[in-house]
Every structure is written in C-alpha cells, then in structure tokens.
Amino acid sequence: STGTWYVRGGATVGFGTTGDIPVPGDYDGNGTTDIAVFRPSTGTWYVRGGATVGFGTTGDIPVPGDYDGNGTTDIAVFRPSTSTWFVRGGITVGWGGAGDIPVPGDYDGNAATDIAVFRPSSGTWFVRGGITVSWGGAGDIPVPGDYDGNATTDTAVFRPSTGTWFVRGGTIIGWGGSGDVPLPLPDAIRRFFFTPL
C-alpha cells in the first residue's frame, strides 16, 4: 500500500508503489539480497541501486531465480496465457499448461533454478528435465523449499482447509489455520492464484 520495505535489524526503505510485486534477489551477484520490485502494469523490473529493466508484459508472473547457476538472480517471467517461460539473457521455453502454477526451484541440487509447474487439478509437479510426481490435491497450495537442508528444493504443499503441511519424503505437520498464507509462497504467485485464499 505504501511501497515500503522493512528489514528487521536493518533499513526501512521506500521503494516501489501500489500494485508492485516484491521480487527480492541477488541481482548483482555480491552475495546480498537486493530490494527489487516488478511492476505488472508495465512489465518493468526495478532493482534498488541497480538496473531498471523492461522485461515482461501485462499478465506475466515474475519468477526470478538463478537459472544458469552463476550465483546471480536472473530476471524471468512466466506467461500463463501461453505457458511460456522467458529468462532474460537465457532461454525461452514452453513448459506447463492452462491453470498450472509456476514453482521454480533447485529440484536436482545442481545450484541452478529449474523450470517447474504444479498442476492443481491433479496435484502433479512437472520439473523440466527432471521429475514428474503427484503430491497434493485440489485446493492445496504449492510451497516448494529446502525443508531438510540438503540444498535441494523439496516438493511440498500447504492444505489451507486443515492448516496442514505435507513435505514429500519428509514431515506432515499441522501448522496454521484456515485463511493463513504459507510464507514460502512468493508474493507474485499468491496474488495471481490465491487472492483471496
């Protein structure tokens, strides 16, 4: 509502405006997360102290990640209308289908972000060049993350109807309740697919 960032133990910074989507990442490769926003109305990326880049268009979903494994966050978008991924300076690839939710992560542990989608209609995860696995069901929210600390992204879902987390090959735990927002969920994904929850 105010375009303000609050960093615990750090700065309070005005950067962005109403409607912008926060997309923090290490865009300059210095090992520190940069404050950044994506403006969906213009398809523009603003990195504080860094570049302003037009990349994307109205309706695109920002999916920043280190797709080439060089230790720097890449500007990237997923276009739901065509299920196409666009990585700036890198690949353009069709991956996914109608209604799929982008869930990029390092699923194979090679220190590079993998293109991946979650299909809520069937609870299926599709990782490009990797696994296809059923994990979750209708109404579940995908919350990929490294839950066991092995430097590999785990497939996981949060079930808002019961406040239960299901991590594939790991824990099942009740943590939260109806209407809660799981924090591993990037803001862009929450806004596009799960507002209101």
C-alpha atoms as a PDB file:
ATOM      1  CA  SER A   1       0.000   0.000   0.000  1.00  0.00           C
ATOM      2  CA  THR A   2       2.949   2.344   0.599  1.00  0.00           C
ATOM      3  CA  GLY A   3       5.798   0.705  -1.295  1.00  0.00           C
ATOM      4  CA  THR A   4       7.823   0.463   1.916  1.00  0.00           C
ATOM      5  CA  TRP A   5      10.313  -2.265   2.821  1.00  0.00           C
ATOM      6  CA  TYR A   6      11.025  -3.044   6.467  1.00  0.00           C
ATOM      7  CA  VAL A   7      14.182  -5.077   7.105  1.00  0.00           C
ATOM      8  CA  ARG A   8      14.417  -6.370  10.665  1.00  0.00           C
ATOM      9  CA  GLY A   9      17.599  -5.056  12.208  1.00  0.00           C
ATOM     10  CA  GLY A  10      18.228  -3.033   9.065  1.00  0.00           C
ATOM     11  CA  ALA A  11      16.801  -0.250   6.965  1.00  0.00           C
ATOM     12  CA  THR A  12      13.273   0.923   6.318  1.00  0.00           C
ATOM     13  CA  VAL A  13      13.195   1.868   2.643  1.00  0.00           C
ATOM     14  CA  GLY A  14      10.589   3.345   0.350  1.00  0.00           C
ATOM     15  CA  PHE A  15      10.960   1.523  -2.954  1.00  0.00           C
ATOM     16  CA  GLY A  16       8.048   0.765  -5.243  1.00  0.00           C
ATOM     17  CA  THR A  17       4.431   1.816  -5.448  1.00  0.00           C
ATOM     18  CA  THR A  18       0.935   0.378  -5.040  1.00  0.00           C
ATOM     19  CA  GLY A  19       0.498  -2.682  -7.254  1.00  0.00           C
ATOM     20  CA  ASP A  20       4.207  -3.502  -7.478  1.00  0.00           C
ATOM     21  CA  ILE A  21       5.239  -7.077  -6.669  1.00  0.00           C
ATOM     22  CA  PRO A  22       8.283  -7.610  -4.428  1.00  0.00           C
ATOM     23  CA  VAL A  23      10.939  -9.727  -6.153  1.00  0.00           C
ATOM     24  CA  PRO A  24      13.997  -9.679  -3.862  1.00  0.00           C
ATOM     25  CA  GLY A  25      17.115 -11.466  -5.084  1.00  0.00           C
ATOM     26  CA  ASP A  26      20.856 -11.190  -5.540  1.00  0.00           C
ATOM     27  CA  TYR A  27      20.772  -9.464  -8.924  1.00  0.00           C
ATOM     28  CA  ASP A  28      24.381  -8.235  -8.846  1.00  0.00           C
ATOM     29  CA  GLY A  29      25.954 -11.445  -7.530  1.00  0.00           C
ATOM     30  CA  ASN A  30      27.548  -9.868  -4.456  1.00  0.00           C
ATOM     31  CA  GLY A  31      26.043 -12.404  -2.060  1.00  0.00           C
ATOM     32  CA  THR A  32      23.461  -9.973  -0.655  1.00  0.00           C
ATOM     33  CA  THR A  33      19.735  -9.860  -1.398  1.00  0.00           C
ATOM     34  CA  ASP A  34      18.695  -6.712  -3.260  1.00  0.00           C
ATOM     35  CA  ILE A  35      15.409  -4.876  -2.789  1.00  0.00           C
ATOM     36  CA  ALA A  36      13.516  -5.113  -6.083  1.00  0.00           C
ATOM     37  CA  VAL A  37      10.007  -4.868  -7.490  1.00  0.00           C
ATOM     38  CA  PHE A  38       8.206  -5.928 -10.649  1.00  0.00           C
ATOM     39  CA  ARG A  39       5.551  -3.537 -11.972  1.00  0.00           C
ATOM     40  CA  PRO A  40       2.946  -5.720 -13.710  1.00  0.00           C
ATOM     41  CA  SER A  41       1.203  -2.802 -15.391  1.00  0.00           C
ATOM     42  CA  THR A  42       4.311  -2.056 -17.481  1.00  0.00           C
ATOM     43  CA  GLY A  43       6.380  -5.260 -17.227  1.00  0.00           C
ATOM     44  CA  THR A  44       9.227  -3.304 -15.660  1.00  0.00           C
ATOM     45  CA  TRP A  45      11.748  -4.504 -13.070  1.00  0.00           C
ATOM     46  CA  TYR A  46      13.263  -2.025 -10.624  1.00  0.00           C
ATOM     47  CA  VAL A  47      16.317  -3.114  -8.619  1.00  0.00           C
ATOM     48  CA  ARG A  48      17.366  -0.692  -5.889  1.00  0.00           C
ATOM     49  CA  GLY A  49      20.851   0.591  -6.627  1.00  0.00           C
ATOM     50  CA  GLY A  50      20.852  -1.362  -9.864  1.00  0.00           C
ATOM     51  CA  ALA A  51      19.118  -1.677 -13.178  1.00  0.00           C
ATOM     52  CA  THR A  52      15.648  -0.711 -14.349  1.00  0.00           C
ATOM     53  CA  VAL A  53      14.681  -3.263 -16.970  1.00  0.00           C
ATOM     54  CA  GLY A  54      11.632  -3.722 -19.147  1.00  0.00           C
ATOM     55  CA  PHE A  55      11.071  -7.467 -19.298  1.00  0.00           C
ATOM     56  CA  GLY A  56       7.607  -8.938 -19.495  1.00  0.00           C
ATOM     57  CA  THR A  57       4.136  -7.689 -20.229  1.00  0.00           C
ATOM     58  CA  THR A  58       0.756  -7.315 -18.541  1.00  0.00           C
ATOM     59  CA  GLY A  59      -0.375 -10.678 -17.193  1.00  0.00           C
ATOM     60  CA  ASP A  60       3.124 -12.106 -16.825  1.00  0.00           C
ATOM     61  CA  ILE A  61       4.177 -13.541 -13.468  1.00  0.00           C
ATOM     62  CA  PRO A  62       7.686 -12.711 -12.218  1.00  0.00           C
ATOM     63  CA  VAL A  63       9.706 -15.866 -11.448  1.00  0.00           C
ATOM     64  CA  PRO A  64      13.237 -14.662 -10.621  1.00  0.00           C
ATOM     65  CA  GLY A  65      15.869 -17.320  -9.968  1.00  0.00           C
ATOM     66  CA  ASP A  66      19.411 -18.405 -10.763  1.00  0.00           C
ATOM     67  CA  TYR A  67      18.553 -20.350 -13.913  1.00  0.00           C
ATOM     68  CA  ASP A  68      22.128 -20.546 -15.213  1.00  0.00           C
ATOM     69  CA  GLY A  69      23.741 -21.411 -11.870  1.00  0.00           C
ATOM     70  CA  ASN A  70      26.172 -18.498 -11.849  1.00  0.00           C
ATOM     71  CA  GLY A  71      25.224 -17.290  -8.381  1.00  0.00           C
ATOM     72  CA  THR A  72      23.208 -14.313  -9.613  1.00  0.00           C
ATOM     73  CA  THR A  73      19.427 -13.927  -9.689  1.00  0.00           C
ATOM     74  CA  ASP A  74      18.081 -13.765 -13.238  1.00  0.00           C
ATOM     75  CA  ILE A  75      15.106 -11.675 -14.285  1.00  0.00           C
ATOM     76  CA  ALA A  76      12.429 -14.044 -15.583  1.00  0.00           C
ATOM     77  CA  VAL A  77       8.685 -14.238 -16.179  1.00  0.00           C
ATOM     78  CA  PHE A  78       6.098 -16.944 -16.723  1.00  0.00           C
ATOM     79  CA  ARG A  79       3.326 -16.113 -19.209  1.00  0.00           C
ATOM     80  CA  PRO A  80       0.200 -18.068 -18.184  1.00  0.00           C
ATOM     81  CA  SER A  81      -1.641 -17.331 -21.423  1.00  0.00           C
ATOM     82  CA  THR A  82       0.879 -19.420 -23.377  1.00  0.00           C
ATOM     83  CA  SER A  83       2.616 -21.365 -20.546  1.00  0.00           C
ATOM     84  CA  THR A  84       5.908 -19.855 -21.704  1.00  0.00           C
ATOM     85  CA  TRP A  85       8.951 -19.060 -19.559  1.00  0.00           C
ATOM     86  CA  PHE A  86      11.187 -16.143 -20.521  1.00  0.00           C
ATOM     87  CA  VAL A  87      14.583 -15.828 -18.820  1.00  0.00           C
ATOM     88  CA  ARG A  88      16.427 -12.588 -19.628  1.00  0.00           C
ATOM     89  CA  GLY A  89      19.629 -13.352 -21.486  1.00  0.00           C
ATOM     90  CA  GLY A  90      18.791 -17.038 -21.395  1.00  0.00           C
ATOM     91  CA  ILE A  91      16.130 -19.444 -22.522  1.00  0.00           C
ATOM     92  CA  THR A  92      12.584 -19.099 -23.765  1.00  0.00           C
ATOM     93  CA  VAL A  93      10.669 -22.325 -23.318  1.00  0.00           C
ATOM     94  CA  GLY A  94       7.110 -23.586 -23.214  1.00  0.00           C
ATOM     95  CA  TRP A  95       6.519 -25.567 -20.028  1.00  0.00           C
ATOM     96  CA  GLY A  96       3.159 -26.144 -18.408  1.00  0.00           C
ATOM     97  CA  GLY A  97      -0.492 -25.924 -19.335  1.00  0.00           C
ATOM     98  CA  ALA A  98      -3.644 -23.965 -18.612  1.00  0.00           C
ATOM     99  CA  GLY A  99      -4.094 -23.406 -14.883  1.00  0.00           C
ATOM    100  CA  ASP A 100      -0.600 -24.568 -13.938  1.00  0.00           C
ATOM    101  CA  ILE A 101       1.244 -22.678 -11.201  1.00  0.00           C
ATOM    102  CA  PRO A 102       4.948 -21.867 -11.700  1.00  0.00           C
ATOM    103  CA  VAL A 103       7.111 -23.344  -8.907  1.00  0.00           C
ATOM    104  CA  PRO A 104      10.757 -22.731  -9.864  1.00  0.00           C
ATOM    105  CA  GLY A 105      13.407 -24.228  -7.592  1.00  0.00           C
ATOM    106  CA  ASP A 106      16.585 -26.293  -7.499  1.00  0.00           C
ATOM    107  CA  TYR A 107      14.990 -29.730  -7.523  1.00  0.00           C
ATOM    108  CA  ASP A 108      18.129 -31.628  -8.582  1.00  0.00           C
ATOM    109  CA  GLY A 109      20.622 -29.882  -6.285  1.00  0.00           C
ATOM    110  CA  ASN A 110      22.896 -28.549  -9.047  1.00  0.00           C
ATOM    111  CA  ALA A 111      22.798 -24.957  -7.723  1.00  0.00           C
ATOM    112  CA  ALA A 112      20.632 -23.759 -10.637  1.00  0.00           C
ATOM    113  CA  THR A 113      16.935 -22.928 -10.659  1.00  0.00           C
ATOM    114  CA  ASP A 114      14.799 -25.451 -12.535  1.00  0.00           C
ATOM    115  CA  ILE A 115      11.687 -24.574 -14.515  1.00  0.00           C
ATOM    116  CA  ALA A 116       8.743 -26.329 -12.904  1.00  0.00           C
ATOM    117  CA  VAL A 117       4.960 -26.154 -12.559  1.00  0.00           C
ATOM    118  CA  PHE A 118       2.356 -27.515 -10.178  1.00  0.00           C
ATOM    119  CA  ARG A 119      -0.943 -28.647 -11.697  1.00  0.00           C
ATOM    120  CA  PRO A 120      -3.627 -28.124  -9.052  1.00  0.00           C
ATOM    121  CA  SER A 121      -6.288 -30.100 -10.940  1.00  0.00           C
ATOM    122  CA  SER A 122      -4.297 -33.310 -10.463  1.00  0.00           C
ATOM    123  CA  GLY A 123      -1.790 -32.392  -7.741  1.00  0.00           C
ATOM    124  CA  THR A 124       1.076 -33.137 -10.132  1.00  0.00           C
ATOM    125  CA  TRP A 125       4.512 -31.492 -10.214  1.00  0.00           C
ATOM    126  CA  PHE A 126       6.352 -31.262 -13.536  1.00  0.00           C
ATOM    127  CA  VAL A 127      10.053 -30.359 -13.364  1.00  0.00           C
ATOM    128  CA  ARG A 128      11.673 -29.709 -16.743  1.00  0.00           C
ATOM    129  CA  GLY A 129      14.388 -32.275 -17.359  1.00  0.00           C
ATOM    130  CA  GLY A 130      13.609 -33.902 -14.030  1.00  0.00           C
ATOM    131  CA  ILE A 131      10.823 -35.468 -12.037  1.00  0.00           C
ATOM    132  CA  THR A 132       7.101 -35.733 -12.596  1.00  0.00           C
ATOM    133  CA  VAL A 133       5.391 -36.580  -9.328  1.00  0.00           C
ATOM    134  CA  SER A 134       1.920 -36.491  -7.815  1.00  0.00           C
ATOM    135  CA  TRP A 135       1.981 -34.660  -4.500  1.00  0.00           C
ATOM    136  CA  GLY A 136      -1.046 -32.741  -3.306  1.00  0.00           C
ATOM    137  CA  GLY A 137      -4.629 -32.329  -4.340  1.00  0.00           C
ATOM    138  CA  ALA A 138      -7.337 -29.863  -5.260  1.00  0.00           C
ATOM    139  CA  GLY A 139      -7.188 -26.775  -3.061  1.00  0.00           C
ATOM    140  CA  ASP A 140      -3.625 -27.378  -1.926  1.00  0.00           C
ATOM    141  CA  ILE A 141      -1.084 -24.556  -2.220  1.00  0.00           C
ATOM    142  CA  PRO A 142       2.397 -25.472  -3.514  1.00  0.00           C
ATOM    143  CA  VAL A 143       5.156 -24.387  -1.119  1.00  0.00           C
ATOM    144  CA  PRO A 144       8.449 -25.722  -2.527  1.00  0.00           C
ATOM    145  CA  GLY A 145      11.526 -25.226  -0.364  1.00  0.00           C
ATOM    146  CA  ASP A 146      14.602 -26.909   1.105  1.00  0.00           C
ATOM    147  CA  TYR A 147      12.958 -28.322   4.216  1.00  0.00           C
ATOM    148  CA  ASP A 148      15.695 -30.848   5.078  1.00  0.00           C
ATOM    149  CA  GLY A 149      18.723 -28.617   4.451  1.00  0.00           C
ATOM    150  CA  ASN A 150      20.287 -30.739   1.682  1.00  0.00           C
ATOM    151  CA  ALA A 151      20.489 -27.840  -0.810  1.00  0.00           C
ATOM    152  CA  THR A 152      17.697 -29.325  -2.934  1.00  0.00           C
ATOM    153  CA  THR A 153      14.161 -27.990  -3.323  1.00  0.00           C
ATOM    154  CA  ASP A 154      11.529 -30.353  -1.916  1.00  0.00           C
ATOM    155  CA  THR A 155       8.011 -30.696  -3.309  1.00  0.00           C
ATOM    156  CA  ALA A 156       5.570 -29.645  -0.627  1.00  0.00           C
ATOM    157  CA  VAL A 157       2.005 -28.385  -0.264  1.00  0.00           C
ATOM    158  CA  PHE A 158       0.016 -26.496   2.337  1.00  0.00           C
ATOM    159  CA  ARG A 159      -3.613 -27.520   2.782  1.00  0.00           C
ATOM    160  CA  PRO A 160      -5.487 -24.395   3.899  1.00  0.00           C
ATOM    161  CA  SER A 161      -8.664 -26.305   4.784  1.00  0.00           C
ATOM    162  CA  THR A 162      -6.810 -28.076   7.627  1.00  0.00           C
ATOM    163  CA  GLY A 163      -3.674 -25.954   8.100  1.00  0.00           C
ATOM    164  CA  THR A 164      -1.515 -28.969   7.288  1.00  0.00           C
ATOM    165  CA  TRP A 165       1.893 -29.044   5.565  1.00  0.00           C
ATOM    166  CA  PHE A 166       2.869 -32.090   3.501  1.00  0.00           C
ATOM    167  CA  VAL A 167       6.559 -32.372   2.533  1.00  0.00           C
ATOM    168  CA  ARG A 168       7.297 -35.222   0.127  1.00  0.00           C
ATOM    169  CA  GLY A 169       9.641 -37.727   1.744  1.00  0.00           C
ATOM    170  CA  GLY A 170       9.527 -35.737   4.947  1.00  0.00           C
ATOM    171  CA  THR A 171       7.150 -34.403   7.533  1.00  0.00           C
ATOM    172  CA  ILE A 172       3.405 -33.951   7.739  1.00  0.00           C
ATOM    173  CA  ILE A 173       2.609 -31.257  10.270  1.00  0.00           C
ATOM    174  CA  GLY A 174      -0.318 -29.132  11.314  1.00  0.00           C
ATOM    175  CA  TRP A 175       0.845 -25.523  11.408  1.00  0.00           C
ATOM    176  CA  GLY A 176      -1.641 -22.787  10.641  1.00  0.00           C
ATOM    177  CA  GLY A 177      -5.342 -22.467  10.046  1.00  0.00           C
ATOM    178  CA  SER A 178      -7.988 -21.519   7.544  1.00  0.00           C
ATOM    179  CA  GLY A 179      -7.053 -18.343   5.661  1.00  0.00           C
ATOM    180  CA  ASP A 180      -3.383 -18.457   6.669  1.00  0.00           C
ATOM    181  CA  VAL A 181      -0.820 -17.647   3.985  1.00  0.00           C
ATOM    182  CA  PRO A 182       2.180 -20.010   3.817  1.00  0.00           C
ATOM    183  CA  LEU A 183       5.338 -17.884   3.754  1.00  0.00           C
ATOM    184  CA  PRO A 184       7.405 -19.882   1.219  1.00  0.00           C
ATOM    185  CA  LEU A 185       4.812 -18.804  -1.350  1.00  0.00           C
ATOM    186  CA  PRO A 186       6.216 -15.938  -3.456  1.00  0.00           C
ATOM    187  CA  ASP A 187       4.038 -12.834  -3.413  1.00  0.00           C
ATOM    188  CA  ALA A 188       3.508 -12.937  -7.182  1.00  0.00           C
ATOM    189  CA  ILE A 189       2.142 -16.490  -7.013  1.00  0.00           C
ATOM    190  CA  ARG A 190      -0.085 -15.632  -4.057  1.00  0.00           C
ATOM    191  CA  ARG A 191      -1.536 -12.613  -5.854  1.00  0.00           C
ATOM    192  CA  PHE A 192      -2.152 -14.372  -9.145  1.00  0.00           C
ATOM    193  CA  PHE A 193      -3.507 -17.701  -7.927  1.00  0.00           C
ATOM    194  CA  PHE A 194      -4.568 -17.424  -4.285  1.00  0.00           C
ATOM    195  CA  THR A 195      -6.039 -13.984  -3.584  1.00  0.00           C
ATOM    196  CA  PRO A 196      -8.210 -14.232  -1.668  1.00  0.00           C
ATOM    197  CA  LEU A 197      -7.198 -17.529  -0.132  1.00  0.00           C
END
